[in-house]
Amino acid sequence: IPALRDLLACNRTYRVEQSYDLTFYLGERVLTTAELQSIVATLPPDRSSPAGMITDFQGAELRSELAKRLVREERYQDALAYADAVMVIPINKYDASFDTGLSKSLKTQHDLIQAYATAHEQTQNAGSDVAKAAAWYQLALLTRVEHGEILDHDSELYKDKATPDLPGVSSSELARLKANYTTPDQDNLRWYIAYDDALKAAQLVPSHSQAYAAILCHAAHWMNEAPPEAIDGHDPIANLRQAWQLYVKHGAYVQWAGDFGHQCSDPDFDAAARPLWWHRLTKRMARLHVHPFALILAGSALLTLVFAGLLIIRRRKGTSRLRETDT
């Protein structure tokens, strides 16, 4: 820890770029979260320029890595205190043609972690099943598209199954490496974490809805794009088959069903929240090329005319009775 403190101080003065990998190896893999937090607490305050340029890049990176570790521990509010709120991240940079369901207002790591924390809370506390489904799908998208900015290990060293970066390390350092190493191959596991969250979302929306088909379509697409080999019991081919079979068994026909897993619309959760009669009415009116709102307006006008007619008849009857009384 004293050596890392000295290294950071030296870098701020001399900009020794070659030491960056060693800094993150120690900060991310060797130190505990509490130890890393104590190191970050001694760093100079963030003096990022108004133009969004980070002046202390190494300090900013350590804060960002600490935020990810805290997210992995589900300490979301603590993570937000360290998340980068300056550096703009290109959202949907992986597959913008499919995964377009993230808000364009998410621009920084702080935005992404806040959205992730909110979605995680809403999966449990949202007011309806459809709202919970939307939260699960949001979690799936954030994991699929921005996993690296929210909770992933930033270094490929983590793919080495907790092996040390340098030879000749102590047994205590090896023990720390294994303690800080959570799951293998985080970069590839994000596909399956997103897939599992998508299936949870699909279970909470009506199977006749467009959202059900769209969620499963995206889940299938992710399995099409996932690494071909099975990882930790996750088999992309089996998962792809599962998503397709669920759609065939329970889902309603959509125009892009013939290209399932390759062409998907974004889930329409607002429509999924409407009652079944609305969907049936919409389908029938679409065949007649009539918009359902037009039918509702026509029905309302008809009811108004009927009501007005009844009112006129009632008044006429009342007038007749008055005349009979006078007579």
C-alpha atoms as a PDB file:
ATOM      1  CA  ILE A   1       0.000   0.000   0.000  1.00  0.00           C
ATOM      2  CA  PRO A   2       2.779   2.520   0.765  1.00  0.00           C
ATOM      3  CA  ALA A   3       4.445   1.571  -2.524  1.00  0.00           C
ATOM      4  CA  LEU A   4       1.228   2.164  -4.461  1.00  0.00           C
ATOM      5  CA  ARG A   5       0.775   5.539  -2.803  1.00  0.00           C
ATOM      6  CA  ASP A   6       4.311   6.504  -3.814  1.00  0.00           C
ATOM      7  CA  LEU A   7       3.739   5.225  -7.330  1.00  0.00           C
ATOM      8  CA  LEU A   8       0.631   7.367  -7.748  1.00  0.00           C
ATOM      9  CA  ALA A   9       2.453  10.447  -6.415  1.00  0.00           C
ATOM     10  CA  CYS A  10       5.357   9.795  -8.789  1.00  0.00           C
ATOM     11  CA  ASN A  11       3.019   9.419 -11.755  1.00  0.00           C
ATOM     12  CA  ARG A  12       1.324  12.735 -11.051  1.00  0.00           C
ATOM     13  CA  THR A  13       4.716  14.418 -11.284  1.00  0.00           C
ATOM     14  CA  TYR A  14       6.504  12.467 -14.020  1.00  0.00           C
ATOM     15  CA  ARG A  15       3.635  10.860 -16.004  1.00  0.00           C
ATOM     16  CA  VAL A  16       5.201   7.398 -16.057  1.00  0.00           C
ATOM     17  CA  GLU A  17       2.717   5.688 -18.358  1.00  0.00           C
ATOM     18  CA  GLN A  18       4.426   2.301 -18.134  1.00  0.00           C
ATOM     19  CA  SER A  19       3.314   1.967 -14.510  1.00  0.00           C
ATOM     20  CA  TYR A  20      -0.419   2.122 -15.303  1.00  0.00           C
ATOM     21  CA  ASP A  21      -0.822  -1.643 -15.711  1.00  0.00           C
ATOM     22  CA  LEU A  22       0.978  -2.270 -12.429  1.00  0.00           C
ATOM     23  CA  THR A  23      -1.205   0.324 -10.682  1.00  0.00           C
ATOM     24  CA  PHE A  24      -4.423  -1.344 -11.789  1.00  0.00           C
ATOM     25  CA  TYR A  25      -3.068  -4.820 -11.129  1.00  0.00           C
ATOM     26  CA  LEU A  26      -2.444  -3.848  -7.511  1.00  0.00           C
ATOM     27  CA  GLY A  27      -5.564  -1.726  -7.120  1.00  0.00           C
ATOM     28  CA  GLU A  28      -8.003  -4.122  -8.757  1.00  0.00           C
ATOM     29  CA  ARG A  29      -6.579  -7.554  -8.083  1.00  0.00           C
ATOM     30  CA  VAL A  30      -4.424  -7.419  -4.968  1.00  0.00           C
ATOM     31  CA  LEU A  31      -6.020  -4.858  -2.674  1.00  0.00           C
ATOM     32  CA  THR A  32      -9.366  -5.421  -0.993  1.00  0.00           C
ATOM     33  CA  THR A  33     -12.207  -3.036  -1.787  1.00  0.00           C
ATOM     34  CA  ALA A  34     -11.704  -1.263   1.542  1.00  0.00           C
ATOM     35  CA  GLU A  35      -7.979  -0.883   0.908  1.00  0.00           C
ATOM     36  CA  LEU A  36      -8.580   0.506  -2.572  1.00  0.00           C
ATOM     37  CA  GLN A  37     -11.162   2.883  -1.125  1.00  0.00           C
ATOM     38  CA  SER A  38      -8.615   4.159   1.399  1.00  0.00           C
ATOM     39  CA  ILE A  39      -6.086   4.722  -1.399  1.00  0.00           C
ATOM     40  CA  VAL A  40      -8.595   6.647  -3.511  1.00  0.00           C
ATOM     41  CA  ALA A  41      -9.551   8.763  -0.498  1.00  0.00           C
ATOM     42  CA  THR A  42      -5.995  10.144  -0.355  1.00  0.00           C
ATOM     43  CA  LEU A  43      -5.923  11.140  -4.045  1.00  0.00           C
ATOM     44  CA  PRO A  44      -6.087  14.834  -4.890  1.00  0.00           C
ATOM     45  CA  PRO A  45      -9.586  16.118  -5.715  1.00  0.00           C
ATOM     46  CA  ASP A  46     -10.769  15.667  -9.267  1.00  0.00           C
ATOM     47  CA  ARG A  47      -9.905  18.825 -11.224  1.00  0.00           C
ATOM     48  CA  SER A  48     -11.427  17.898 -14.551  1.00  0.00           C
ATOM     49  CA  SER A  49     -11.595  20.783 -16.991  1.00  0.00           C
ATOM     50  CA  PRO A  50     -14.960  22.378 -17.872  1.00  0.00           C
ATOM     51  CA  ALA A  51     -14.563  21.013 -21.402  1.00  0.00           C
ATOM     52  CA  GLY A  52     -14.827  17.460 -20.071  1.00  0.00           C
ATOM     53  CA  MET A  53     -11.107  16.645 -20.219  1.00  0.00           C
ATOM     54  CA  ILE A  54      -9.727  14.622 -17.308  1.00  0.00           C
ATOM     55  CA  THR A  55      -6.482  16.083 -16.032  1.00  0.00           C
ATOM     56  CA  ASP A  56      -5.616  13.314 -13.544  1.00  0.00           C
ATOM     57  CA  PHE A  57      -6.285  10.336 -15.788  1.00  0.00           C
ATOM     58  CA  GLN A  58      -4.826   7.700 -13.485  1.00  0.00           C
ATOM     59  CA  GLY A  59      -6.703   8.987 -10.462  1.00  0.00           C
ATOM     60  CA  ALA A  60      -9.921   9.079 -12.479  1.00  0.00           C
ATOM     61  CA  GLU A  61      -9.360   5.503 -13.656  1.00  0.00           C
ATOM     62  CA  LEU A  62      -8.812   4.249 -10.103  1.00  0.00           C
ATOM     63  CA  ARG A  63     -12.022   5.957  -8.976  1.00  0.00           C
ATOM     64  CA  SER A  64     -13.839   4.385 -11.913  1.00  0.00           C
ATOM     65  CA  GLU A  65     -12.501   0.924 -11.076  1.00  0.00           C
ATOM     66  CA  LEU A  66     -13.538   1.361  -7.445  1.00  0.00           C
ATOM     67  CA  ALA A  67     -17.051   2.264  -8.617  1.00  0.00           C
ATOM     68  CA  LYS A  68     -17.220  -0.996 -10.596  1.00  0.00           C
ATOM     69  CA  ARG A  69     -16.095  -3.044  -7.615  1.00  0.00           C
ATOM     70  CA  LEU A  70     -18.762  -1.430  -5.455  1.00  0.00           C
ATOM     71  CA  VAL A  71     -21.419  -2.180  -8.110  1.00  0.00           C
ATOM     72  CA  ARG A  72     -20.323  -5.829  -8.135  1.00  0.00           C
ATOM     73  CA  GLU A  73     -20.909  -5.805  -4.385  1.00  0.00           C
ATOM     74  CA  GLU A  74     -24.368  -4.225  -4.979  1.00  0.00           C
ATOM     75  CA  ARG A  75     -23.321  -1.069  -3.134  1.00  0.00           C
ATOM     76  CA  TYR A  76     -24.820   1.180  -5.782  1.00  0.00           C
ATOM     77  CA  GLN A  77     -25.063   4.445  -3.864  1.00  0.00           C
ATOM     78  CA  ASP A  78     -21.464   4.111  -2.681  1.00  0.00           C
ATOM     79  CA  ALA A  79     -20.422   3.412  -6.280  1.00  0.00           C
ATOM     80  CA  LEU A  80     -22.044   6.612  -7.543  1.00  0.00           C
ATOM     81  CA  ALA A  81     -19.719   8.673  -5.361  1.00  0.00           C
ATOM     82  CA  TYR A  82     -16.734   7.393  -7.372  1.00  0.00           C
ATOM     83  CA  ALA A  83     -18.260   6.937 -10.845  1.00  0.00           C
ATOM     84  CA  ASP A  84     -16.894   9.097 -13.640  1.00  0.00           C
ATOM     85  CA  ALA A  85     -19.362  11.895 -14.402  1.00  0.00           C
ATOM     86  CA  VAL A  86     -17.114  13.668 -16.926  1.00  0.00           C
ATOM     87  CA  MET A  87     -15.940  11.331 -19.670  1.00  0.00           C
ATOM     88  CA  VAL A  88     -18.682  10.898 -22.297  1.00  0.00           C
ATOM     89  CA  ILE A  89     -19.221   7.275 -23.365  1.00  0.00           C
ATOM     90  CA  PRO A  90     -20.606   6.379 -26.809  1.00  0.00           C
ATOM     91  CA  ILE A  91     -23.754   4.456 -25.880  1.00  0.00           C
ATOM     92  CA  ASN A  92     -24.817   1.420 -27.959  1.00  0.00           C
ATOM     93  CA  LYS A  93     -21.363   1.255 -29.486  1.00  0.00           C
ATOM     94  CA  TYR A  94     -21.510  -2.530 -29.827  1.00  0.00           C
ATOM     95  CA  ASP A  95     -24.630  -3.136 -31.906  1.00  0.00           C
ATOM     96  CA  ALA A  96     -26.662  -0.003 -32.471  1.00  0.00           C
ATOM     97  CA  SER A  97     -28.879  -1.692 -35.039  1.00  0.00           C
ATOM     98  CA  PHE A  98     -30.406  -4.006 -32.427  1.00  0.00           C
ATOM     99  CA  ASP A  99     -29.802  -2.807 -28.886  1.00  0.00           C
ATOM    100  CA  THR A 100     -31.402   0.615 -29.203  1.00  0.00           C
ATOM    101  CA  GLY A 101     -33.476   0.580 -26.030  1.00  0.00           C
ATOM    102  CA  LEU A 102     -31.127   2.649 -23.854  1.00  0.00           C
ATOM    103  CA  SER A 103     -31.881   6.302 -23.280  1.00  0.00           C
ATOM    104  CA  LYS A 104     -29.731   8.780 -25.200  1.00  0.00           C
ATOM    105  CA  SER A 105     -29.406  10.769 -21.978  1.00  0.00           C
ATOM    106  CA  LEU A 106     -27.010   8.137 -20.605  1.00  0.00           C
ATOM    107  CA  LYS A 107     -23.654   9.696 -21.399  1.00  0.00           C
ATOM    108  CA  THR A 108     -21.223   8.891 -18.568  1.00  0.00           C
ATOM    109  CA  GLN A 109     -20.324   6.046 -16.246  1.00  0.00           C
ATOM    110  CA  HIS A 110     -22.246   7.846 -13.498  1.00  0.00           C
ATOM    111  CA  ASP A 111     -25.368   7.918 -15.698  1.00  0.00           C
ATOM    112  CA  LEU A 112     -25.036   4.212 -16.493  1.00  0.00           C
ATOM    113  CA  ILE A 113     -24.547   3.125 -12.880  1.00  0.00           C
ATOM    114  CA  GLN A 114     -27.496   5.289 -11.798  1.00  0.00           C
ATOM    115  CA  ALA A 115     -29.662   3.671 -14.495  1.00  0.00           C
ATOM    116  CA  TYR A 116     -28.433   0.220 -13.469  1.00  0.00           C
ATOM    117  CA  ALA A 117     -29.220   0.894  -9.795  1.00  0.00           C
ATOM    118  CA  THR A 118     -32.674   2.256 -10.649  1.00  0.00           C
ATOM    119  CA  ALA A 119     -33.495  -0.719 -12.884  1.00  0.00           C
ATOM    120  CA  HIS A 120     -32.300  -3.158 -10.215  1.00  0.00           C
ATOM    121  CA  GLU A 121     -34.584  -1.500  -7.646  1.00  0.00           C
ATOM    122  CA  GLN A 122     -37.542  -1.448 -10.047  1.00  0.00           C
ATOM    123  CA  THR A 123     -37.301  -5.180 -10.746  1.00  0.00           C
ATOM    124  CA  GLN A 124     -38.472  -5.664  -7.166  1.00  0.00           C
ATOM    125  CA  ASN A 125     -40.573  -2.594  -6.384  1.00  0.00           C
ATOM    126  CA  ALA A 126     -42.236  -1.443  -9.611  1.00  0.00           C
ATOM    127  CA  GLY A 127     -46.007  -1.125  -9.408  1.00  0.00           C
ATOM    128  CA  SER A 128     -46.918  -3.727 -12.028  1.00  0.00           C
ATOM    129  CA  ASP A 129     -45.554  -6.849 -13.671  1.00  0.00           C
ATOM    130  CA  VAL A 130     -45.079  -5.017 -16.952  1.00  0.00           C
ATOM    131  CA  ALA A 131     -43.110  -2.260 -15.210  1.00  0.00           C
ATOM    132  CA  LYS A 132     -40.951  -4.922 -13.556  1.00  0.00           C
ATOM    133  CA  ALA A 133     -40.465  -6.540 -16.958  1.00  0.00           C
ATOM    134  CA  ALA A 134     -39.296  -3.212 -18.399  1.00  0.00           C
ATOM    135  CA  ALA A 135     -36.779  -2.946 -15.548  1.00  0.00           C
ATOM    136  CA  TRP A 136     -35.461  -6.484 -16.151  1.00  0.00           C
ATOM    137  CA  TYR A 137     -35.069  -5.728 -19.847  1.00  0.00           C
ATOM    138  CA  GLN A 138     -33.280  -2.481 -19.025  1.00  0.00           C
ATOM    139  CA  LEU A 139     -30.888  -4.454 -16.815  1.00  0.00           C
ATOM    140  CA  ALA A 140     -30.345  -6.910 -19.663  1.00  0.00           C
ATOM    141  CA  LEU A 141     -29.541  -4.106 -22.102  1.00  0.00           C
ATOM    142  CA  LEU A 142     -27.203  -2.330 -19.687  1.00  0.00           C
ATOM    143  CA  THR A 143     -25.379  -5.599 -19.020  1.00  0.00           C
ATOM    144  CA  ARG A 144     -25.188  -6.524 -22.690  1.00  0.00           C
ATOM    145  CA  VAL A 145     -24.126  -3.134 -24.035  1.00  0.00           C
ATOM    146  CA  GLU A 146     -22.347  -1.345 -21.180  1.00  0.00           C
ATOM    147  CA  HIS A 147     -21.190  -4.136 -18.866  1.00  0.00           C
ATOM    148  CA  GLY A 148     -17.595  -2.946 -19.159  1.00  0.00           C
ATOM    149  CA  GLU A 149     -18.454   0.546 -17.906  1.00  0.00           C
ATOM    150  CA  ILE A 150     -20.719  -0.564 -15.054  1.00  0.00           C
ATOM    151  CA  LEU A 151     -19.239  -3.597 -13.295  1.00  0.00           C
ATOM    152  CA  ASP A 152     -16.755  -5.450 -15.466  1.00  0.00           C
ATOM    153  CA  HIS A 153     -13.081  -5.911 -14.703  1.00  0.00           C
ATOM    154  CA  ASP A 154     -11.229  -3.393 -16.841  1.00  0.00           C
ATOM    155  CA  SER A 155      -8.189  -5.578 -17.472  1.00  0.00           C
ATOM    156  CA  GLU A 156      -7.807  -8.764 -19.473  1.00  0.00           C
ATOM    157  CA  LEU A 157      -5.710 -10.079 -16.596  1.00  0.00           C
ATOM    158  CA  TYR A 158      -8.968 -11.392 -15.162  1.00  0.00           C
ATOM    159  CA  LYS A 159      -9.250 -13.914 -17.958  1.00  0.00           C
ATOM    160  CA  ASP A 160      -6.205 -15.710 -16.564  1.00  0.00           C
ATOM    161  CA  LYS A 161      -8.175 -17.347 -13.751  1.00  0.00           C
ATOM    162  CA  ALA A 162      -6.515 -15.453 -10.904  1.00  0.00           C
ATOM    163  CA  THR A 163      -2.939 -16.036 -12.002  1.00  0.00           C
ATOM    164  CA  PRO A 164      -0.454 -13.311 -11.038  1.00  0.00           C
ATOM    165  CA  ASP A 165       0.751 -10.686 -13.475  1.00  0.00           C
ATOM    166  CA  LEU A 166       4.380 -11.161 -12.460  1.00  0.00           C
ATOM    167  CA  PRO A 167       6.339 -14.297 -11.437  1.00  0.00           C
ATOM    168  CA  GLY A 168       7.639 -14.908  -7.939  1.00  0.00           C
ATOM    169  CA  VAL A 169       4.738 -13.437  -5.999  1.00  0.00           C
ATOM    170  CA  SER A 170       4.071 -14.368  -2.397  1.00  0.00           C
ATOM    171  CA  SER A 171       1.509 -16.904  -1.265  1.00  0.00           C
ATOM    172  CA  SER A 172      -0.473 -14.100   0.405  1.00  0.00           C
ATOM    173  CA  GLU A 173      -0.685 -12.247  -2.911  1.00  0.00           C
ATOM    174  CA  LEU A 174      -1.951 -15.408  -4.620  1.00  0.00           C
ATOM    175  CA  ALA A 175      -4.594 -15.727  -1.930  1.00  0.00           C
ATOM    176  CA  ARG A 176      -5.647 -12.124  -2.517  1.00  0.00           C
ATOM    177  CA  LEU A 177      -5.874 -12.718  -6.264  1.00  0.00           C
ATOM    178  CA  LYS A 178      -8.272 -15.608  -5.760  1.00  0.00           C
ATOM    179  CA  ALA A 179     -10.313 -13.642  -3.227  1.00  0.00           C
ATOM    180  CA  ASN A 180     -10.740 -10.702  -5.634  1.00  0.00           C
ATOM    181  CA  TYR A 181     -11.376 -12.911  -8.659  1.00  0.00           C
ATOM    182  CA  THR A 182     -15.116 -13.366  -8.916  1.00  0.00           C
ATOM    183  CA  THR A 183     -16.118 -15.192 -12.086  1.00  0.00           C
ATOM    184  CA  PRO A 184     -14.112 -16.299 -15.115  1.00  0.00           C
ATOM    185  CA  ASP A 185     -14.202 -14.493 -18.423  1.00  0.00           C
ATOM    186  CA  GLN A 186     -16.432 -11.588 -17.434  1.00  0.00           C
ATOM    187  CA  ASP A 187     -16.369 -10.209 -20.974  1.00  0.00           C
ATOM    188  CA  ASN A 188     -18.156 -13.272 -22.335  1.00  0.00           C
ATOM    189  CA  LEU A 189     -20.437 -13.974 -19.377  1.00  0.00           C
ATOM    190  CA  ARG A 190     -22.247 -10.684 -19.953  1.00  0.00           C
ATOM    191  CA  TRP A 191     -24.084 -12.315 -22.870  1.00  0.00           C
ATOM    192  CA  TYR A 192     -25.606 -14.916 -20.573  1.00  0.00           C
ATOM    193  CA  ILE A 193     -26.355 -12.551 -17.698  1.00  0.00           C
ATOM    194  CA  ALA A 194     -28.290 -10.387 -20.162  1.00  0.00           C
ATOM    195  CA  TYR A 195     -30.039 -13.465 -21.590  1.00  0.00           C
ATOM    196  CA  ASP A 196     -31.202 -14.620 -18.139  1.00  0.00           C
ATOM    197  CA  ASP A 197     -32.499 -11.128 -17.294  1.00  0.00           C
ATOM    198  CA  ALA A 198     -34.369 -10.985 -20.616  1.00  0.00           C
ATOM    199  CA  LEU A 199     -36.124 -14.272 -19.872  1.00  0.00           C
ATOM    200  CA  LYS A 200     -37.229 -12.871 -16.500  1.00  0.00           C
ATOM    201  CA  ALA A 201     -38.675  -9.889 -18.367  1.00  0.00           C
ATOM    202  CA  ALA A 202     -40.505 -12.119 -20.858  1.00  0.00           C
ATOM    203  CA  GLN A 203     -42.180 -14.060 -18.048  1.00  0.00           C
ATOM    204  CA  LEU A 204     -43.787 -10.857 -16.732  1.00  0.00           C
ATOM    205  CA  VAL A 205     -45.468  -9.585 -19.910  1.00  0.00           C
ATOM    206  CA  PRO A 206     -48.533 -11.105 -21.625  1.00  0.00           C
ATOM    207  CA  SER A 207     -47.452 -13.795 -24.076  1.00  0.00           C
ATOM    208  CA  HIS A 208     -49.778 -12.340 -26.742  1.00  0.00           C
ATOM    209  CA  SER A 209     -48.011  -8.970 -26.609  1.00  0.00           C
ATOM    210  CA  GLN A 210     -45.424  -7.629 -29.010  1.00  0.00           C
ATOM    211  CA  ALA A 211     -43.110  -7.102 -26.036  1.00  0.00           C
ATOM    212  CA  TYR A 212     -42.992 -10.851 -25.348  1.00  0.00           C
ATOM    213  CA  ALA A 213     -41.893 -11.617 -28.893  1.00  0.00           C
ATOM    214  CA  ALA A 214     -39.415  -8.714 -29.005  1.00  0.00           C
ATOM    215  CA  ILE A 215     -37.736  -9.618 -25.704  1.00  0.00           C
ATOM    216  CA  LEU A 216     -37.225 -13.230 -26.768  1.00  0.00           C
ATOM    217  CA  CYS A 217     -36.024 -12.081 -30.184  1.00  0.00           C
ATOM    218  CA  HIS A 218     -33.325  -9.902 -28.610  1.00  0.00           C
ATOM    219  CA  ALA A 219     -32.344 -12.713 -26.243  1.00  0.00           C
ATOM    220  CA  ALA A 220     -31.966 -15.020 -29.248  1.00  0.00           C
ATOM    221  CA  HIS A 221     -29.911 -12.391 -31.056  1.00  0.00           C
ATOM    222  CA  TRP A 222     -27.501 -12.164 -28.144  1.00  0.00           C
ATOM    223  CA  MET A 223     -27.006 -15.912 -28.286  1.00  0.00           C
ATOM    224  CA  ASN A 224     -26.331 -15.624 -32.019  1.00  0.00           C
ATOM    225  CA  GLU A 225     -23.594 -13.109 -31.235  1.00  0.00           C
ATOM    226  CA  ALA A 226     -22.187 -14.838 -28.136  1.00  0.00           C
ATOM    227  CA  PRO A 227     -18.933 -16.830 -28.255  1.00  0.00           C
ATOM    228  CA  PRO A 228     -19.708 -20.189 -29.868  1.00  0.00           C
ATOM    229  CA  GLU A 229     -18.301 -22.341 -27.088  1.00  0.00           C
ATOM    230  CA  ALA A 230     -20.138 -23.068 -23.843  1.00  0.00           C
ATOM    231  CA  ILE A 231     -18.826 -21.131 -20.822  1.00  0.00           C
ATOM    232  CA  ASP A 232     -19.447 -22.206 -17.230  1.00  0.00           C
ATOM    233  CA  GLY A 233     -22.439 -24.297 -18.227  1.00  0.00           C
ATOM    234  CA  HIS A 234     -23.885 -21.618 -20.536  1.00  0.00           C
ATOM    235  CA  ASP A 235     -24.537 -22.997 -24.004  1.00  0.00           C
ATOM    236  CA  PRO A 236     -25.469 -20.362 -26.621  1.00  0.00           C
ATOM    237  CA  ILE A 237     -27.007 -22.912 -29.003  1.00  0.00           C
ATOM    238  CA  ALA A 238     -29.234 -24.397 -26.291  1.00  0.00           C
ATOM    239  CA  ASN A 239     -30.262 -20.912 -25.125  1.00  0.00           C
ATOM    240  CA  LEU A 240     -31.053 -19.824 -28.670  1.00  0.00           C
ATOM    241  CA  ARG A 241     -33.239 -22.896 -29.134  1.00  0.00           C
ATOM    242  CA  GLN A 242     -34.978 -22.201 -25.807  1.00  0.00           C
ATOM    243  CA  ALA A 243     -35.837 -18.606 -26.773  1.00  0.00           C
ATOM    244  CA  TRP A 244     -37.238 -19.722 -30.134  1.00  0.00           C
ATOM    245  CA  GLN A 245     -39.295 -22.535 -28.634  1.00  0.00           C
ATOM    246  CA  LEU A 246     -40.778 -20.224 -25.992  1.00  0.00           C
ATOM    247  CA  TYR A 247     -41.832 -17.807 -28.702  1.00  0.00           C
ATOM    248  CA  VAL A 248     -43.323 -20.517 -30.925  1.00  0.00           C
ATOM    249  CA  LYS A 249     -45.230 -22.066 -28.029  1.00  0.00           C
ATOM    250  CA  HIS A 250     -46.597 -18.933 -26.382  1.00  0.00           C
ATOM    251  CA  GLY A 251     -46.003 -15.871 -28.556  1.00  0.00           C
ATOM    252  CA  ALA A 252     -48.187 -14.137 -31.110  1.00  0.00           C
ATOM    253  CA  TYR A 253     -47.245 -13.648 -34.746  1.00  0.00           C
ATOM    254  CA  VAL A 254     -45.154 -10.574 -35.581  1.00  0.00           C
ATOM    255  CA  GLN A 255     -44.009  -9.394 -38.995  1.00  0.00           C
ATOM    256  CA  TRP A 256     -40.353 -10.127 -38.277  1.00  0.00           C
ATOM    257  CA  ALA A 257     -40.972 -13.627 -36.912  1.00  0.00           C
ATOM    258  CA  GLY A 258     -39.436 -15.194 -40.004  1.00  0.00           C
ATOM    259  CA  ASP A 259     -36.106 -13.554 -39.157  1.00  0.00           C
ATOM    260  CA  PHE A 260     -36.308 -14.258 -35.426  1.00  0.00           C
ATOM    261  CA  GLY A 261     -33.023 -13.536 -33.663  1.00  0.00           C
ATOM    262  CA  HIS A 262     -31.708 -11.531 -36.593  1.00  0.00           C
ATOM    263  CA  GLN A 263     -34.253  -8.741 -36.927  1.00  0.00           C
ATOM    264  CA  CYS A 264     -35.986  -7.492 -33.772  1.00  0.00           C
ATOM    265  CA  SER A 265     -38.094  -4.496 -32.789  1.00  0.00           C
ATOM    266  CA  ASP A 266     -37.740  -2.843 -29.396  1.00  0.00           C
ATOM    267  CA  PRO A 267     -40.305  -4.148 -26.865  1.00  0.00           C
ATOM    268  CA  ASP A 268     -43.417  -1.987 -26.591  1.00  0.00           C
ATOM    269  CA  PHE A 269     -44.080  -2.123 -22.852  1.00  0.00           C
ATOM    270  CA  ASP A 270     -46.815   0.544 -23.018  1.00  0.00           C
ATOM    271  CA  ALA A 271     -48.824  -1.675 -25.354  1.00  0.00           C
ATOM    272  CA  ALA A 272     -48.124  -4.723 -23.173  1.00  0.00           C
ATOM    273  CA  ALA A 273     -49.784  -2.943 -20.248  1.00  0.00           C
ATOM    274  CA  ARG A 274     -53.082  -2.590 -22.136  1.00  0.00           C
ATOM    275  CA  PRO A 275     -55.838  -5.178 -21.574  1.00  0.00           C
ATOM    276  CA  LEU A 276     -56.351  -8.182 -23.838  1.00  0.00           C
ATOM    277  CA  TRP A 277     -59.535  -6.770 -25.391  1.00  0.00           C
ATOM    278  CA  TRP A 278     -57.535  -3.807 -26.674  1.00  0.00           C
ATOM    279  CA  HIS A 279     -55.073  -6.079 -28.485  1.00  0.00           C
ATOM    280  CA  ARG A 280     -57.897  -8.110 -30.035  1.00  0.00           C
ATOM    281  CA  LEU A 281     -59.694  -4.949 -31.125  1.00  0.00           C
ATOM    282  CA  THR A 282     -56.492  -3.525 -32.609  1.00  0.00           C
ATOM    283  CA  LYS A 283     -55.842  -6.728 -34.570  1.00  0.00           C
ATOM    284  CA  ARG A 284     -59.358  -6.841 -36.010  1.00  0.00           C
ATOM    285  CA  MET A 285     -59.401  -3.171 -36.889  1.00  0.00           C
ATOM    286  CA  ALA A 286     -56.016  -3.507 -38.592  1.00  0.00           C
ATOM    287  CA  ARG A 287     -57.571  -6.055 -40.951  1.00  0.00           C
ATOM    288  CA  LEU A 288     -60.289  -3.526 -41.784  1.00  0.00           C
ATOM    289  CA  HIS A 289     -57.731  -0.701 -42.043  1.00  0.00           C
ATOM    290  CA  VAL A 290     -59.529   1.137 -39.255  1.00  0.00           C
ATOM    291  CA  HIS A 291     -57.654   2.741 -36.381  1.00  0.00           C
ATOM    292  CA  PRO A 292     -59.084   1.648 -32.986  1.00  0.00           C
ATOM    293  CA  PHE A 293     -59.287   5.238 -31.812  1.00  0.00           C
ATOM    294  CA  ALA A 294     -61.479   6.041 -34.814  1.00  0.00           C
ATOM    295  CA  LEU A 295     -63.778   3.185 -33.828  1.00  0.00           C
ATOM    296  CA  ILE A 296     -63.929   4.435 -30.258  1.00  0.00           C
ATOM    297  CA  LEU A 297     -64.766   7.964 -31.430  1.00  0.00           C
ATOM    298  CA  ALA A 298     -67.440   6.603 -33.737  1.00  0.00           C
ATOM    299  CA  GLY A 299     -68.870   4.533 -30.891  1.00  0.00           C
ATOM    300  CA  SER A 300     -68.842   7.551 -28.606  1.00  0.00           C
ATOM    301  CA  ALA A 301     -70.650   9.626 -31.232  1.00  0.00           C
ATOM    302  CA  LEU A 302     -73.252   6.881 -31.673  1.00  0.00           C
ATOM    303  CA  LEU A 303     -73.823   6.678 -27.930  1.00  0.00           C
ATOM    304  CA  THR A 304     -74.200  10.455 -27.801  1.00  0.00           C
ATOM    305  CA  LEU A 305     -76.835  10.344 -30.550  1.00  0.00           C
ATOM    306  CA  VAL A 306     -78.692   7.530 -28.814  1.00  0.00           C
ATOM    307  CA  PHE A 307     -78.607   9.411 -25.518  1.00  0.00           C
ATOM    308  CA  ALA A 308     -79.825  12.586 -27.208  1.00  0.00           C
ATOM    309  CA  GLY A 309     -82.641  10.661 -28.894  1.00  0.00           C
ATOM    310  CA  LEU A 310     -83.753   9.126 -25.627  1.00  0.00           C
ATOM    311  CA  LEU A 311     -83.675  12.530 -23.981  1.00  0.00           C
ATOM    312  CA  ILE A 312     -85.885  14.003 -26.741  1.00  0.00           C
ATOM    313  CA  ILE A 313     -88.360  11.124 -26.482  1.00  0.00           C
ATOM    314  CA  ARG A 314     -88.496  11.530 -22.706  1.00  0.00           C
ATOM    315  CA  ARG A 315     -89.186  15.244 -23.011  1.00  0.00           C
ATOM    316  CA  ARG A 316     -91.907  14.634 -25.572  1.00  0.00           C
ATOM    317  CA  LYS A 317     -93.568  12.107 -23.299  1.00  0.00           C
ATOM    318  CA  GLY A 318     -93.374  14.572 -20.437  1.00  0.00           C
ATOM    319  CA  THR A 319     -94.976  17.266 -22.564  1.00  0.00           C
ATOM    320  CA  SER A 320     -97.791  14.914 -23.627  1.00  0.00           C
ATOM    321  CA  ARG A 321     -98.529  14.062 -19.994  1.00  0.00           C
ATOM    322  CA  LEU A 322     -98.731  17.757 -19.098  1.00  0.00           C
ATOM    323  CA  ARG A 323    -101.206  18.350 -21.928  1.00  0.00           C
ATOM    324  CA  GLU A 324    -103.332  15.396 -20.792  1.00  0.00           C
ATOM    325  CA  THR A 325    -103.318  16.794 -17.230  1.00  0.00           C
ATOM    326  CA  ASP A 326    -104.403  20.218 -18.449  1.00  0.00           C
ATOM    327  CA  THR A 327    -107.193  18.636 -20.425  1.00  0.00           C
END
